[in-house]
Amino acid sequence: MIAKAVAEDIASLNSLINSAYRGEFSKKGWTTEAHLLEGGRTTEAELLDIIQDASNTILKYSDKGKIIGCVLLKVKANELYLGMLTVSPELQNSGIGKKLLHQAEVFAAAMQLPKIIMTVITVREELIAWYNRNGYRDTGAREPFPVSDVFNPTTQEHLEFMVLEKVIA
């Protein structure tokens, strides 16, 4: 079931997102960033700020009361930003990510936003290919990778973001 996340979901969301992106558990899935970054992906404080901002929506995918997937949707002037698409590592490749992407498209259409944009670390070739198969295209734009006190790069590779977009019909 996909529904809007609320403040009471923050601890579960934080645990899910961090376990899917970083650390040993994340290596059970194919979308891990553990080979690039160490530390957390997000914090409960960041998630609270996100949920309290009216321009943001976090959709959660739950099964038997447990949150096993989520996606951040941020309404901008003429587009929808999609971020933190997360599926529990042990459930990746089960279609949950595609269902969350579809709900993002439904959301964008309902908000009359003509496109969805996102950023992906450029060295994440498998992930970029997955988004390409789902209709997202490289805009050619690049954004600098942020410096943070929550995480640290563990690679010598240059990290930057690729901006992808999908036009919503």
Protein backbone atom coordinates (compact mmCIF):
# COMPACT_ATOMS: atom_id res chain seq x y z
CA MET A 1 0.00 0.00 0.00
CA ILE A 2 1.28 3.45 -0.91
CA ALA A 3 0.31 6.38 1.32
CA LYS A 4 1.64 9.74 2.43
CA ALA A 5 4.18 9.49 5.24
CA VAL A 6 3.55 11.41 8.47
CA ALA A 7 5.76 12.51 11.36
CA GLU A 8 5.12 9.22 13.20
CA ASP A 9 6.86 7.40 10.30
CA ILE A 10 10.17 9.29 10.65
CA ALA A 11 12.07 6.68 12.69
CA SER A 12 11.06 3.88 10.31
CA LEU A 13 11.86 6.00 7.24
CA ASN A 14 15.26 6.97 8.65
CA SER A 15 16.13 3.35 9.33
CA LEU A 16 14.96 2.20 5.89
CA ILE A 17 16.72 4.94 3.91
CA ASN A 18 20.03 4.61 5.75
CA SER A 19 19.97 0.79 5.53
CA ALA A 20 19.31 0.89 1.77
CA TYR A 21 22.01 3.40 0.84
CA ARG A 22 24.89 2.82 3.25
CA GLY A 23 26.49 0.13 5.39
CA GLU A 24 26.74 -3.64 5.14
CA PHE A 25 22.99 -4.30 4.95
CA SER A 26 22.72 -2.05 1.89
CA LYS A 27 25.03 -4.45 0.01
CA LYS A 28 22.17 -6.98 -0.10
CA GLY A 29 20.60 -4.77 -2.76
CA TRP A 30 21.93 -3.43 -6.04
CA THR A 31 21.37 0.28 -5.29
CA THR A 32 23.89 0.61 -2.46
CA GLU A 33 26.24 3.59 -2.21
CA ALA A 34 28.40 1.82 0.40
CA HIS A 35 31.30 1.55 -2.07
CA LEU A 36 31.24 5.35 -2.53
CA LEU A 37 30.20 6.83 0.81
CA GLU A 38 30.21 6.00 4.50
CA GLY A 39 28.00 7.42 7.21
CA GLY A 40 24.31 8.16 7.04
CA ARG A 41 22.19 9.10 4.06
CA THR A 42 19.74 11.14 6.13
CA THR A 43 18.77 11.94 9.71
CA GLU A 44 15.52 12.05 11.63
CA ALA A 45 15.89 15.83 11.91
CA GLU A 46 16.24 16.18 8.12
CA LEU A 47 13.21 13.95 7.56
CA LEU A 48 11.16 15.99 10.04
CA ASP A 49 12.10 19.19 8.18
CA ILE A 50 11.10 17.54 4.90
CA ILE A 51 7.73 16.38 6.20
CA GLN A 52 6.97 19.75 7.79
CA ASP A 53 7.60 21.59 4.49
CA ALA A 54 4.28 21.84 2.61
CA SER A 55 6.03 21.65 -0.77
CA ASN A 56 7.24 18.12 0.07
CA THR A 57 5.52 14.76 0.15
CA ILE A 58 7.10 11.48 1.16
CA LEU A 59 5.19 8.50 -0.15
CA LYS A 60 5.71 5.31 1.83
CA TYR A 61 5.18 1.78 0.57
CA SER A 62 4.02 -0.47 3.40
CA ASP A 63 3.40 -4.18 3.68
CA LYS A 64 1.78 -5.64 6.78
CA GLY A 65 2.36 -2.35 8.63
CA LYS A 66 6.09 -2.18 7.84
CA ILE A 67 7.53 0.56 5.60
CA ILE A 68 9.58 -1.18 2.90
CA GLY A 69 9.88 1.63 0.35
CA CYS A 70 9.56 5.38 0.00
CA VAL A 71 10.13 8.33 -2.29
CA LEU A 72 10.45 12.07 -1.70
CA LEU A 73 8.44 14.36 -3.99
CA LYS A 74 9.13 18.10 -3.92
CA VAL A 75 6.91 20.49 -5.85
CA LYS A 76 8.92 23.19 -7.58
CA ALA A 77 7.68 26.01 -9.85
CA ASN A 78 7.07 23.95 -12.98
CA GLU A 79 8.40 20.50 -12.14
CA LEU A 80 8.40 17.77 -9.53
CA TYR A 81 11.72 16.83 -7.92
CA LEU A 82 12.01 13.13 -7.06
CA GLY A 83 14.54 12.02 -4.46
CA MET A 84 15.38 9.33 -1.92
CA LEU A 85 13.68 6.57 -3.91
CA THR A 86 14.27 3.70 -1.53
CA VAL A 87 13.39 0.02 -1.41
CA SER A 88 14.57 -2.32 1.32
CA PRO A 89 17.70 -4.06 -0.07
CA GLU A 90 16.29 -7.56 0.37
CA LEU A 91 13.16 -6.60 -1.64
CA GLN A 92 14.85 -4.81 -4.55
CA ASN A 93 13.94 -6.15 -8.00
CA SER A 94 10.41 -6.95 -6.81
CA GLY A 95 8.65 -4.05 -8.58
CA ILE A 96 8.27 -1.75 -5.56
CA GLY A 97 10.56 0.91 -7.05
CA LYS A 98 8.56 0.94 -10.30
CA LYS A 99 5.31 1.30 -8.34
CA LEU A 100 6.73 4.27 -6.44
CA LEU A 101 7.94 5.84 -9.72
CA HIS A 102 4.46 5.37 -11.17
CA GLN A 103 2.87 7.07 -8.14
CA ALA A 104 5.29 9.98 -8.59
CA GLU A 105 4.02 10.34 -12.17
CA VAL A 106 0.41 10.22 -10.99
CA PHE A 107 1.25 12.87 -8.38
CA ALA A 108 2.96 15.11 -10.98
CA ALA A 109 0.00 14.81 -13.34
CA ALA A 110 -2.46 15.63 -10.54
CA MET A 111 -0.39 18.73 -9.71
CA GLN A 112 -0.30 19.61 -13.44
CA LEU A 113 3.50 19.53 -13.43
CA PRO A 114 4.89 18.71 -16.89
CA LYS A 115 8.05 16.90 -15.81
CA ILE A 116 9.85 15.06 -13.04
CA ILE A 117 13.52 15.76 -12.35
CA MET A 118 16.03 13.96 -10.16
CA THR A 119 19.74 13.80 -9.50
CA VAL A 120 21.86 10.65 -9.51
CA ILE A 121 25.57 10.33 -8.78
CA THR A 122 27.19 10.07 -12.23
CA VAL A 123 29.28 6.99 -11.38
CA ARG A 124 26.13 4.98 -10.54
CA GLU A 125 25.83 3.56 -14.05
CA GLU A 126 23.49 0.64 -13.22
CA LEU A 127 21.08 2.98 -11.44
CA ILE A 128 21.15 5.50 -14.28
CA ALA A 129 20.45 2.67 -16.75
CA TRP A 130 17.44 1.61 -14.62
CA TYR A 131 16.05 5.14 -14.67
CA ASN A 132 16.67 5.30 -18.44
CA ARG A 133 14.62 2.09 -18.87
CA ASN A 134 11.86 3.83 -16.92
CA GLY A 135 11.77 6.86 -19.21
CA TYR A 136 14.21 9.26 -17.51
CA ARG A 137 16.77 11.02 -19.70
CA ASP A 138 20.04 12.83 -18.99
CA THR A 139 19.48 16.58 -19.36
CA GLY A 140 23.22 17.21 -19.74
CA ALA A 141 23.19 19.30 -16.55
CA ARG A 142 25.54 18.43 -13.68
CA GLU A 143 25.48 19.58 -10.07
CA PRO A 144 28.28 19.45 -7.50
CA PHE A 145 28.18 16.69 -4.92
CA PRO A 146 27.57 18.22 -1.47
CA VAL A 147 29.92 18.28 1.47
CA SER A 148 28.25 16.96 4.61
CA ASP A 149 28.97 16.14 8.22
CA VAL A 150 26.58 13.15 7.91
CA PHE A 151 28.62 11.22 5.32
CA ASN A 152 32.13 10.97 3.87
CA PRO A 153 33.31 9.82 0.43
CA THR A 154 35.30 6.57 0.50
CA THR A 155 36.33 6.72 -3.16
CA GLN A 156 38.85 8.72 -5.11
CA GLU A 157 36.36 8.98 -8.00
CA HIS A 158 35.02 12.45 -8.74
CA LEU A 159 31.45 12.58 -7.44
CA GLU A 160 28.86 14.83 -9.04
CA PHE A 161 25.17 14.63 -9.80
CA MET A 162 23.62 14.02 -13.20
CA VAL A 163 20.22 15.67 -13.66
CA LEU A 164 17.65 13.31 -15.17
CA GLU A 165 14.14 14.21 -16.27
CA LYS A 166 10.98 12.58 -17.51
CA VAL A 167 8.31 14.51 -19.37
CA ILE A 168 4.82 13.62 -18.12
CA ALA A 169 2.27 13.32 -20.94
